[in-house]
Amino acid sequence: MTGRWTVALFLLAFACVGPAAAGPASQPAQPQYLRLAGLFGESDEEKAAREQHEATQDSEIANLKQQVTDLEQSLQQVTGQNEQLSHQVQELNARIDQQKKDFEFKLCALAAQQLGAGTTPDASGNGLPCNPGQAVSALIAPSGPPAGQPPGGGTLGTLPATPPADHSQYDQAMNLLASAQYDQARAAFRSYADANPNDTLTPLAVYWVGDIAYVQKDYAGAAQTFAEELKKYPTSARGPDSMLKLGQSLVALGQKKEGCLTLGAIKSKYPTASAFVLTQAQSARAAAQCK
């Protein structure tokens, strides 16, 4: 006989015999029977304990799920911030690269003008092949004295009228310009021009003071400096460029009439002005709608 039937017969015998043998004084046996009956199902206390345990587990699981959700949201937020910062850094690097290219283009164009090249680079880099370092060297290299004439002016057998200037100061100013330290370069060129008013490089120094001011959109300072260049050094190689930038600065300052007159007079004042300067002057007049 199986164990199941054995337990059932035992319970049946206990239920029938137990009360008769014990008599009225054996009534407390009923709870014992109920406890034995628990073998076939959980009691109320066990059920309550189980439900309490399950409720506690459900609460803990819910808390863990909420913590995971919070962490995922925080991670998404941080990731979004990192992507935004990365995008801003890329934009900043792009602007720096563009400014560097613009400066190199301008430097190459000026070097081409000074060297008398027939072509100049355009905004896309076409035209005259140019190395910025070579351009700086070309711009800062002073022209040598005529054959048979010593440095610093004068003639053979005579002392120079003024002692030669320290051109290393000019070179330092040009190096500052090449490294895009515009404020420092502008001050250095100004200092050199003021200290060496009769030096062969002074007209170039004054021009660079005005050109940097123009690039920085200080049109009032640029106009004043280019006017100084034209007044003090009218035969300077930078005369046509200075007159062009003076006209553009005046137009930018709202002095359209004076600016248009200045731009239109470049060819008559400087018949040998380069085609590049004359083309720029014509474009500037068209943009300003000069009559």
C-alpha atoms as a PDB file:
ATOM      1  CA  MET A   1       0.000   0.000   0.000  1.00  0.00           C
ATOM      2  CA  THR A   2       1.414   3.379  -0.893  1.00  0.00           C
ATOM      3  CA  GLY A   3       2.447   6.006   1.623  1.00  0.00           C
ATOM      4  CA  ARG A   4      -0.473   8.206   0.643  1.00  0.00           C
ATOM      5  CA  TRP A   5      -3.035   5.607   1.653  1.00  0.00           C
ATOM      6  CA  THR A   6      -1.119   4.902   4.823  1.00  0.00           C
ATOM      7  CA  VAL A   7      -1.358   8.525   5.960  1.00  0.00           C
ATOM      8  CA  ALA A   8      -5.049   8.685   5.029  1.00  0.00           C
ATOM      9  CA  LEU A   9      -5.904   5.564   7.033  1.00  0.00           C
ATOM     10  CA  PHE A  10      -3.916   6.879   9.953  1.00  0.00           C
ATOM     11  CA  LEU A  11      -5.814  10.160   9.969  1.00  0.00           C
ATOM     12  CA  LEU A  12      -9.131   8.343   9.640  1.00  0.00           C
ATOM     13  CA  ALA A  13      -8.310   6.034  12.578  1.00  0.00           C
ATOM     14  CA  PHE A  14      -7.137   8.943  14.665  1.00  0.00           C
ATOM     15  CA  ALA A  15     -10.281  10.915  13.945  1.00  0.00           C
ATOM     16  CA  CYS A  16     -12.588   8.011  14.867  1.00  0.00           C
ATOM     17  CA  VAL A  17     -10.758   6.451  17.782  1.00  0.00           C
ATOM     18  CA  GLY A  18      -9.100   9.385  19.396  1.00  0.00           C
ATOM     19  CA  PRO A  19     -12.221  11.216  20.676  1.00  0.00           C
ATOM     20  CA  ALA A  20     -13.957   8.047  22.005  1.00  0.00           C
ATOM     21  CA  ALA A  21     -10.913   6.969  23.976  1.00  0.00           C
ATOM     22  CA  ALA A  22     -10.156  10.333  25.337  1.00  0.00           C
ATOM     23  CA  GLY A  23     -13.680  11.281  26.293  1.00  0.00           C
ATOM     24  CA  PRO A  24     -14.884  14.818  26.844  1.00  0.00           C
ATOM     25  CA  ALA A  25     -11.542  15.838  28.344  1.00  0.00           C
ATOM     26  CA  SER A  26      -9.822  15.195  24.925  1.00  0.00           C
ATOM     27  CA  GLN A  27     -11.438  18.116  23.015  1.00  0.00           C
ATOM     28  CA  PRO A  28      -8.072  19.985  22.494  1.00  0.00           C
ATOM     29  CA  ALA A  29      -7.068  17.263  20.004  1.00  0.00           C
ATOM     30  CA  GLN A  30      -8.990  19.137  17.293  1.00  0.00           C
ATOM     31  CA  PRO A  31      -6.242  21.749  16.739  1.00  0.00           C
ATOM     32  CA  GLN A  32      -3.720  18.904  16.489  1.00  0.00           C
ATOM     33  CA  TYR A  33      -5.811  17.398  13.707  1.00  0.00           C
ATOM     34  CA  LEU A  34      -5.943  20.702  11.959  1.00  0.00           C
ATOM     35  CA  ARG A  35      -2.180  21.012  12.207  1.00  0.00           C
ATOM     36  CA  LEU A  36      -1.765  17.534  10.757  1.00  0.00           C
ATOM     37  CA  ALA A  37      -4.128  18.460   7.996  1.00  0.00           C
ATOM     38  CA  GLY A  38      -1.583  21.130   7.084  1.00  0.00           C
ATOM     39  CA  LEU A  39       0.460  18.414   5.453  1.00  0.00           C
ATOM     40  CA  PHE A  40      -1.856  18.710   2.456  1.00  0.00           C
ATOM     41  CA  GLY A  41      -1.803  22.564   2.188  1.00  0.00           C
ATOM     42  CA  GLU A  42      -0.167  25.700   3.740  1.00  0.00           C
ATOM     43  CA  SER A  43      -1.635  27.225   6.857  1.00  0.00           C
ATOM     44  CA  ASP A  44      -2.894  30.784   7.093  1.00  0.00           C
ATOM     45  CA  GLU A  45       0.293  31.837   8.861  1.00  0.00           C
ATOM     46  CA  GLU A  46       2.465  30.304   6.160  1.00  0.00           C
ATOM     47  CA  LYS A  47       0.375  31.868   3.448  1.00  0.00           C
ATOM     48  CA  ALA A  48       0.603  35.264   5.089  1.00  0.00           C
ATOM     49  CA  ALA A  49       4.387  34.906   5.502  1.00  0.00           C
ATOM     50  CA  ARG A  50       4.774  33.837   1.896  1.00  0.00           C
ATOM     51  CA  GLU A  51       2.692  36.719   0.603  1.00  0.00           C
ATOM     52  CA  GLN A  52       4.650  39.156   2.746  1.00  0.00           C
ATOM     53  CA  HIS A  53       7.935  37.762   1.375  1.00  0.00           C
ATOM     54  CA  GLU A  54       6.665  37.978  -2.208  1.00  0.00           C
ATOM     55  CA  ALA A  55       5.492  41.539  -1.629  1.00  0.00           C
ATOM     56  CA  THR A  56       8.915  42.460  -0.263  1.00  0.00           C
ATOM     57  CA  GLN A  57      10.622  40.890  -3.276  1.00  0.00           C
ATOM     58  CA  ASP A  58       8.290  42.715  -5.684  1.00  0.00           C
ATOM     59  CA  SER A  59       9.089  46.008  -3.960  1.00  0.00           C
ATOM     60  CA  GLU A  60      12.823  45.367  -4.166  1.00  0.00           C
ATOM     61  CA  ILE A  61      12.563  44.423  -7.854  1.00  0.00           C
ATOM     62  CA  ALA A  62      10.545  47.562  -8.570  1.00  0.00           C
ATOM     63  CA  ASN A  63      13.198  49.674  -6.829  1.00  0.00           C
ATOM     64  CA  LEU A  64      15.973  48.021  -8.817  1.00  0.00           C
ATOM     65  CA  LYS A  65      14.101  48.598 -12.080  1.00  0.00           C
ATOM     66  CA  GLN A  66      13.635  52.274 -11.210  1.00  0.00           C
ATOM     67  CA  GLN A  67      17.334  52.624 -10.419  1.00  0.00           C
ATOM     68  CA  VAL A  68      18.235  51.065 -13.772  1.00  0.00           C
ATOM     69  CA  THR A  69      15.841  53.451 -15.548  1.00  0.00           C
ATOM     70  CA  ASP A  70      17.352  56.443 -13.747  1.00  0.00           C
ATOM     71  CA  LEU A  71      20.861  55.327 -14.689  1.00  0.00           C
ATOM     72  CA  GLU A  72      19.871  54.893 -18.340  1.00  0.00           C
ATOM     73  CA  GLN A  73      18.363  58.380 -18.420  1.00  0.00           C
ATOM     74  CA  SER A  74      21.485  59.872 -16.810  1.00  0.00           C
ATOM     75  CA  LEU A  75      23.687  58.057 -19.323  1.00  0.00           C
ATOM     76  CA  GLN A  76      21.597  59.355 -22.219  1.00  0.00           C
ATOM     77  CA  GLN A  77      21.839  62.896 -20.857  1.00  0.00           C
ATOM     78  CA  VAL A  78      25.617  62.702 -20.440  1.00  0.00           C
ATOM     79  CA  THR A  79      25.986  61.182 -23.909  1.00  0.00           C
ATOM     80  CA  GLY A  80      23.938  64.012 -25.387  1.00  0.00           C
ATOM     81  CA  GLN A  81      26.084  66.606 -23.623  1.00  0.00           C
ATOM     82  CA  ASN A  82      29.271  64.945 -24.861  1.00  0.00           C
ATOM     83  CA  GLU A  83      27.970  64.922 -28.429  1.00  0.00           C
ATOM     84  CA  GLN A  84      27.063  68.599 -28.165  1.00  0.00           C
ATOM     85  CA  LEU A  85      30.496  69.499 -26.802  1.00  0.00           C
ATOM     86  CA  SER A  86      32.160  67.439 -29.524  1.00  0.00           C
ATOM     87  CA  HIS A  87      30.159  69.281 -32.169  1.00  0.00           C
ATOM     88  CA  GLN A  88      31.139  72.653 -30.685  1.00  0.00           C
ATOM     89  CA  VAL A  89      34.811  71.652 -30.665  1.00  0.00           C
ATOM     90  CA  GLN A  90      34.572  70.595 -34.315  1.00  0.00           C
ATOM     91  CA  GLU A  91      32.980  73.926 -35.250  1.00  0.00           C
ATOM     92  CA  LEU A  92      35.679  75.829 -33.354  1.00  0.00           C
ATOM     93  CA  ASN A  93      38.448  73.861 -35.068  1.00  0.00           C
ATOM     94  CA  ALA A  94      36.817  74.515 -38.439  1.00  0.00           C
ATOM     95  CA  ARG A  95      36.703  78.265 -37.752  1.00  0.00           C
ATOM     96  CA  ILE A  96      40.347  78.270 -36.659  1.00  0.00           C
ATOM     97  CA  ASP A  97      41.359  76.359 -39.803  1.00  0.00           C
ATOM     98  CA  GLN A  98      39.412  78.789 -41.988  1.00  0.00           C
ATOM     99  CA  GLN A  99      41.001  81.809 -40.317  1.00  0.00           C
ATOM    100  CA  LYS A 100      44.413  80.259 -40.824  1.00  0.00           C
ATOM    101  CA  LYS A 101      43.672  79.625 -44.505  1.00  0.00           C
ATOM    102  CA  ASP A 102      42.375  83.183 -44.944  1.00  0.00           C
ATOM    103  CA  PHE A 103      45.508  84.593 -43.364  1.00  0.00           C
ATOM    104  CA  GLU A 104      47.798  82.411 -45.482  1.00  0.00           C
ATOM    105  CA  PHE A 105      45.894  83.408 -48.619  1.00  0.00           C
ATOM    106  CA  LYS A 106      46.254  87.091 -47.771  1.00  0.00           C
ATOM    107  CA  LEU A 107      49.925  86.666 -47.000  1.00  0.00           C
ATOM    108  CA  CYS A 108      50.530  84.857 -50.280  1.00  0.00           C
ATOM    109  CA  ALA A 109      48.628  87.476 -52.253  1.00  0.00           C
ATOM    110  CA  LEU A 110      50.659  90.276 -50.708  1.00  0.00           C
ATOM    111  CA  ALA A 111      53.894  88.423 -51.334  1.00  0.00           C
ATOM    112  CA  ALA A 112      52.903  87.958 -54.965  1.00  0.00           C
ATOM    113  CA  GLN A 113      52.219  91.676 -55.318  1.00  0.00           C
ATOM    114  CA  GLN A 114      55.527  92.653 -53.745  1.00  0.00           C
ATOM    115  CA  LEU A 115      57.460  90.225 -55.926  1.00  0.00           C
ATOM    116  CA  GLY A 116      55.614  91.390 -59.034  1.00  0.00           C
ATOM    117  CA  ALA A 117      54.102  87.985 -59.792  1.00  0.00           C
ATOM    118  CA  GLY A 118      51.651  87.870 -62.640  1.00  0.00           C
ATOM    119  CA  THR A 119      49.091  85.767 -60.757  1.00  0.00           C
ATOM    120  CA  THR A 120      47.839  85.626 -57.213  1.00  0.00           C
ATOM    121  CA  PRO A 121      46.069  82.780 -55.396  1.00  0.00           C
ATOM    122  CA  ASP A 122      42.297  82.870 -55.272  1.00  0.00           C
ATOM    123  CA  ALA A 123      40.100  81.818 -52.361  1.00  0.00           C
ATOM    124  CA  SER A 124      40.185  78.177 -53.465  1.00  0.00           C
ATOM    125  CA  GLY A 125      43.979  78.110 -53.464  1.00  0.00           C
ATOM    126  CA  ASN A 126      44.378  78.217 -57.263  1.00  0.00           C
ATOM    127  CA  GLY A 127      46.843  80.493 -58.959  1.00  0.00           C
ATOM    128  CA  LEU A 128      50.281  81.195 -57.597  1.00  0.00           C
ATOM    129  CA  PRO A 129      51.580  78.262 -55.533  1.00  0.00           C
ATOM    130  CA  CYS A 130      52.622  79.687 -52.224  1.00  0.00           C
ATOM    131  CA  ASN A 131      54.260  78.514 -49.043  1.00  0.00           C
ATOM    132  CA  PRO A 132      53.383  80.803 -46.103  1.00  0.00           C
ATOM    133  CA  GLY A 133      56.923  80.591 -44.743  1.00  0.00           C
ATOM    134  CA  GLN A 134      58.363  81.595 -48.104  1.00  0.00           C
ATOM    135  CA  ALA A 135      55.827  84.411 -48.320  1.00  0.00           C
ATOM    136  CA  VAL A 136      56.931  85.777 -44.959  1.00  0.00           C
ATOM    137  CA  SER A 137      60.566  85.610 -46.054  1.00  0.00           C
ATOM    138  CA  ALA A 138      59.730  87.467 -49.259  1.00  0.00           C
ATOM    139  CA  LEU A 139      57.834  90.155 -47.408  1.00  0.00           C
ATOM    140  CA  ILE A 140      60.406  90.797 -44.705  1.00  0.00           C
ATOM    141  CA  ALA A 141      63.465  90.633 -46.953  1.00  0.00           C
ATOM    142  CA  PRO A 142      64.666  94.214 -47.386  1.00  0.00           C
ATOM    143  CA  SER A 143      65.730  95.277 -50.835  1.00  0.00           C
ATOM    144  CA  GLY A 144      69.470  95.619 -51.115  1.00  0.00           C
ATOM    145  CA  PRO A 145      71.209  98.906 -51.872  1.00  0.00           C
ATOM    146  CA  PRO A 146      72.181  99.776 -55.440  1.00  0.00           C
ATOM    147  CA  ALA A 147      75.481  98.481 -56.717  1.00  0.00           C
ATOM    148  CA  GLY A 148      78.389 100.420 -55.259  1.00  0.00           C
ATOM    149  CA  GLN A 149      76.304 101.942 -52.483  1.00  0.00           C
ATOM    150  CA  PRO A 150      76.828 100.882 -48.861  1.00  0.00           C
ATOM    151  CA  PRO A 151      73.947  99.908 -46.643  1.00  0.00           C
ATOM    152  CA  GLY A 152      72.085 102.686 -44.875  1.00  0.00           C
ATOM    153  CA  GLY A 153      72.047 105.228 -47.730  1.00  0.00           C
ATOM    154  CA  GLY A 154      74.706 107.733 -48.739  1.00  0.00           C
ATOM    155  CA  THR A 155      77.439 107.258 -51.308  1.00  0.00           C
ATOM    156  CA  LEU A 156      80.889 105.757 -51.332  1.00  0.00           C
ATOM    157  CA  GLY A 157      83.311 107.725 -49.254  1.00  0.00           C
ATOM    158  CA  THR A 158      80.585 109.356 -47.145  1.00  0.00           C
ATOM    159  CA  LEU A 159      78.926 108.425 -43.909  1.00  0.00           C
ATOM    160  CA  PRO A 160      75.229 107.480 -44.041  1.00  0.00           C
ATOM    161  CA  ALA A 161      72.865 110.323 -43.219  1.00  0.00           C
ATOM    162  CA  THR A 162      71.259 108.242 -40.454  1.00  0.00           C
ATOM    163  CA  PRO A 163      72.461 105.089 -38.725  1.00  0.00           C
ATOM    164  CA  PRO A 164      70.919 101.910 -40.114  1.00  0.00           C
ATOM    165  CA  ALA A 165      67.851 100.674 -38.301  1.00  0.00           C
ATOM    166  CA  ASP A 166      67.723  97.387 -36.473  1.00  0.00           C
ATOM    167  CA  HIS A 167      65.740  95.343 -38.943  1.00  0.00           C
ATOM    168  CA  SER A 168      65.427  92.478 -36.478  1.00  0.00           C
ATOM    169  CA  GLN A 169      62.666  94.498 -34.790  1.00  0.00           C
ATOM    170  CA  TYR A 170      60.790  94.572 -38.083  1.00  0.00           C
ATOM    171  CA  ASP A 171      61.363  90.855 -38.515  1.00  0.00           C
ATOM    172  CA  GLN A 172      59.979  90.205 -35.043  1.00  0.00           C
ATOM    173  CA  ALA A 173      56.870  92.219 -35.888  1.00  0.00           C
ATOM    174  CA  MET A 174      56.411  90.219 -39.089  1.00  0.00           C
ATOM    175  CA  ASN A 175      56.771  86.959 -37.178  1.00  0.00           C
ATOM    176  CA  LEU A 176      54.027  88.089 -34.801  1.00  0.00           C
ATOM    177  CA  LEU A 177      51.837  88.798 -37.817  1.00  0.00           C
ATOM    178  CA  ALA A 178      52.612  85.397 -39.327  1.00  0.00           C
ATOM    179  CA  SER A 179      51.515  83.705 -36.094  1.00  0.00           C
ATOM    180  CA  ALA A 180      48.241  85.683 -36.134  1.00  0.00           C
ATOM    181  CA  GLN A 181      49.104  87.695 -32.997  1.00  0.00           C
ATOM    182  CA  TYR A 182      47.490  90.745 -34.529  1.00  0.00           C
ATOM    183  CA  ASP A 183      47.434  93.118 -31.555  1.00  0.00           C
ATOM    184  CA  GLN A 184      51.080  92.476 -30.741  1.00  0.00           C
ATOM    185  CA  ALA A 185      52.121  92.736 -34.392  1.00  0.00           C
ATOM    186  CA  ARG A 186      50.232  95.986 -34.857  1.00  0.00           C
ATOM    187  CA  ALA A 187      51.925  97.536 -31.827  1.00  0.00           C
ATOM    188  CA  ALA A 188      55.340  96.255 -32.940  1.00  0.00           C
ATOM    189  CA  PHE A 189      55.007  97.723 -36.442  1.00  0.00           C
ATOM    190  CA  ARG A 190      53.808 101.023 -34.998  1.00  0.00           C
ATOM    191  CA  SER A 191      56.745 101.147 -32.616  1.00  0.00           C
ATOM    192  CA  TYR A 192      59.195 100.386 -35.418  1.00  0.00           C
ATOM    193  CA  ALA A 193      57.751 103.085 -37.706  1.00  0.00           C
ATOM    194  CA  ASP A 194      57.821 105.711 -34.962  1.00  0.00           C
ATOM    195  CA  ALA A 195      61.414 104.853 -34.012  1.00  0.00           C
ATOM    196  CA  ASN A 196      62.689 104.721 -37.613  1.00  0.00           C
ATOM    197  CA  PRO A 197      60.818 107.331 -39.668  1.00  0.00           C
ATOM    198  CA  ASN A 198      63.430 107.403 -42.448  1.00  0.00           C
ATOM    199  CA  ASP A 199      64.165 103.695 -42.763  1.00  0.00           C
ATOM    200  CA  THR A 200      63.454 101.907 -46.019  1.00  0.00           C
ATOM    201  CA  LEU A 201      61.160  99.438 -44.230  1.00  0.00           C
ATOM    202  CA  THR A 202      59.115 102.092 -42.429  1.00  0.00           C
ATOM    203  CA  PRO A 203      56.548 102.530 -45.264  1.00  0.00           C
ATOM    204  CA  LEU A 204      55.931  98.778 -45.077  1.00  0.00           C
ATOM    205  CA  ALA A 205      55.603  98.932 -41.298  1.00  0.00           C
ATOM    206  CA  VAL A 206      53.018 101.731 -41.544  1.00  0.00           C
ATOM    207  CA  TYR A 207      51.133  99.791 -44.193  1.00  0.00           C
ATOM    208  CA  TRP A 208      50.974  96.703 -41.964  1.00  0.00           C
ATOM    209  CA  VAL A 209      49.633  98.797 -39.094  1.00  0.00           C
ATOM    210  CA  GLY A 210      46.773  99.901 -41.321  1.00  0.00           C
ATOM    211  CA  ASP A 211      46.243  96.487 -42.849  1.00  0.00           C
ATOM    212  CA  ILE A 212      45.957  94.792 -39.457  1.00  0.00           C
ATOM    213  CA  ALA A 213      43.515  97.472 -38.328  1.00  0.00           C
ATOM    214  CA  TYR A 214      41.451  96.802 -41.470  1.00  0.00           C
ATOM    215  CA  VAL A 215      41.427  93.048 -40.837  1.00  0.00           C
ATOM    216  CA  GLN A 216      40.312  93.727 -37.254  1.00  0.00           C
ATOM    217  CA  LYS A 217      37.520  95.948 -38.678  1.00  0.00           C
ATOM    218  CA  ASP A 218      38.938  99.015 -36.980  1.00  0.00           C
ATOM    219  CA  TYR A 219      38.084 101.027 -40.074  1.00  0.00           C
ATOM    220  CA  ALA A 220      38.704 104.408 -38.439  1.00  0.00           C
ATOM    221  CA  GLY A 221      42.210 103.382 -37.390  1.00  0.00           C
ATOM    222  CA  ALA A 222      42.828 101.808 -40.786  1.00  0.00           C
ATOM    223  CA  ALA A 223      41.721 104.931 -42.688  1.00  0.00           C
ATOM    224  CA  GLN A 224      43.941 107.164 -40.540  1.00  0.00           C
ATOM    225  CA  THR A 225      46.980 104.903 -41.029  1.00  0.00           C
ATOM    226  CA  PHE A 226      46.533 104.507 -44.806  1.00  0.00           C
ATOM    227  CA  ALA A 227      46.151 108.282 -45.132  1.00  0.00           C
ATOM    228  CA  GLU A 228      49.426 108.632 -43.207  1.00  0.00           C
ATOM    229  CA  GLU A 229      51.065 106.182 -45.608  1.00  0.00           C
ATOM    230  CA  LEU A 230      49.919 108.107 -48.678  1.00  0.00           C
ATOM    231  CA  LYS A 231      50.929 111.473 -47.212  1.00  0.00           C
ATOM    232  CA  LYS A 232      54.365 110.530 -45.845  1.00  0.00           C
ATOM    233  CA  TYR A 233      55.370 107.897 -48.391  1.00  0.00           C
ATOM    234  CA  PRO A 234      53.484 108.617 -51.647  1.00  0.00           C
ATOM    235  CA  THR A 235      56.041 106.735 -53.753  1.00  0.00           C
ATOM    236  CA  SER A 236      56.000 103.640 -51.561  1.00  0.00           C
ATOM    237  CA  ALA A 237      55.447 100.306 -53.253  1.00  0.00           C
ATOM    238  CA  ARG A 238      52.438 100.004 -50.951  1.00  0.00           C
ATOM    239  CA  GLY A 239      50.894 103.209 -52.253  1.00  0.00           C
ATOM    240  CA  PRO A 240      48.286 101.560 -54.527  1.00  0.00           C
ATOM    241  CA  ASP A 241      47.368  99.017 -51.850  1.00  0.00           C
ATOM    242  CA  SER A 242      47.094 101.761 -49.237  1.00  0.00           C
ATOM    243  CA  MET A 243      44.832 103.833 -51.464  1.00  0.00           C
ATOM    244  CA  LEU A 244      42.630 100.804 -52.130  1.00  0.00           C
ATOM    245  CA  LYS A 245      42.291 100.011 -48.424  1.00  0.00           C
ATOM    246  CA  LEU A 246      41.711 103.701 -47.615  1.00  0.00           C
ATOM    247  CA  GLY A 247      38.768 103.781 -50.020  1.00  0.00           C
ATOM    248  CA  GLN A 248      37.346 100.534 -48.642  1.00  0.00           C
ATOM    249  CA  SER A 249      37.741 101.802 -45.058  1.00  0.00           C
ATOM    250  CA  LEU A 250      35.942 105.055 -45.851  1.00  0.00           C
ATOM    251  CA  VAL A 251      33.054 103.159 -47.437  1.00  0.00           C
ATOM    252  CA  ALA A 252      32.869 100.884 -44.375  1.00  0.00           C
ATOM    253  CA  LEU A 253      32.716 103.992 -42.167  1.00  0.00           C
ATOM    254  CA  GLY A 254      29.703 105.271 -44.130  1.00  0.00           C
ATOM    255  CA  GLN A 255      31.701 107.947 -45.991  1.00  0.00           C
ATOM    256  CA  LYS A 256      30.597 106.608 -49.342  1.00  0.00           C
ATOM    257  CA  LYS A 257      31.343 109.708 -51.401  1.00  0.00           C
ATOM    258  CA  GLU A 258      34.927 110.036 -50.175  1.00  0.00           C
ATOM    259  CA  GLY A 259      35.467 106.294 -50.463  1.00  0.00           C
ATOM    260  CA  CYS A 260      34.214 106.148 -54.041  1.00  0.00           C
ATOM    261  CA  LEU A 261      36.405 109.103 -55.053  1.00  0.00           C
ATOM    262  CA  THR A 262      39.452 107.453 -53.491  1.00  0.00           C
ATOM    263  CA  LEU A 263      38.808 104.142 -55.234  1.00  0.00           C
ATOM    264  CA  GLY A 264      38.242 105.839 -58.573  1.00  0.00           C
ATOM    265  CA  ALA A 265      41.462 107.844 -58.367  1.00  0.00           C
ATOM    266  CA  ILE A 266      43.831 104.908 -57.900  1.00  0.00           C
ATOM    267  CA  LYS A 267      44.558 104.413 -61.595  1.00  0.00           C
ATOM    268  CA  SER A 268      45.295 108.081 -62.233  1.00  0.00           C
ATOM    269  CA  LYS A 269      47.536 108.479 -59.162  1.00  0.00           C
ATOM    270  CA  TYR A 270      49.284 105.137 -59.670  1.00  0.00           C
ATOM    271  CA  PRO A 271      49.322 104.306 -63.397  1.00  0.00           C
ATOM    272  CA  THR A 272      51.517 101.278 -62.745  1.00  0.00           C
ATOM    273  CA  ALA A 273      49.209  99.800 -60.112  1.00  0.00           C
ATOM    274  CA  SER A 274      48.811  96.036 -60.471  1.00  0.00           C
ATOM    275  CA  ALA A 275      45.810  94.538 -62.205  1.00  0.00           C
ATOM    276  CA  PHE A 276      44.897  92.911 -58.921  1.00  0.00           C
ATOM    277  CA  VAL A 277      44.589  96.278 -57.121  1.00  0.00           C
ATOM    278  CA  LEU A 278      42.615  97.841 -59.977  1.00  0.00           C
ATOM    279  CA  THR A 279      40.251  94.872 -60.108  1.00  0.00           C
ATOM    280  CA  GLN A 280      39.722  95.032 -56.352  1.00  0.00           C
ATOM    281  CA  ALA A 281      39.020  98.768 -56.598  1.00  0.00           C
ATOM    282  CA  GLN A 282      36.481  98.194 -59.361  1.00  0.00           C
ATOM    283  CA  SER A 283      34.746  95.467 -57.339  1.00  0.00           C
ATOM    284  CA  ALA A 284      34.679  97.691 -54.252  1.00  0.00           C
ATOM    285  CA  ARG A 285      33.091 100.548 -56.242  1.00  0.00           C
ATOM    286  CA  ALA A 286      30.468  98.184 -57.615  1.00  0.00           C
ATOM    287  CA  ALA A 287      29.674  96.838 -54.151  1.00  0.00           C
ATOM    288  CA  ALA A 288      29.338 100.365 -52.800  1.00  0.00           C
ATOM    289  CA  GLN A 289      27.193 101.349 -55.823  1.00  0.00           C
ATOM    290  CA  CYS A 290      29.473 104.253 -56.657  1.00  0.00           C
ATOM    291  CA  LYS A 291      28.243 106.528 -59.439  1.00  0.00           C
END
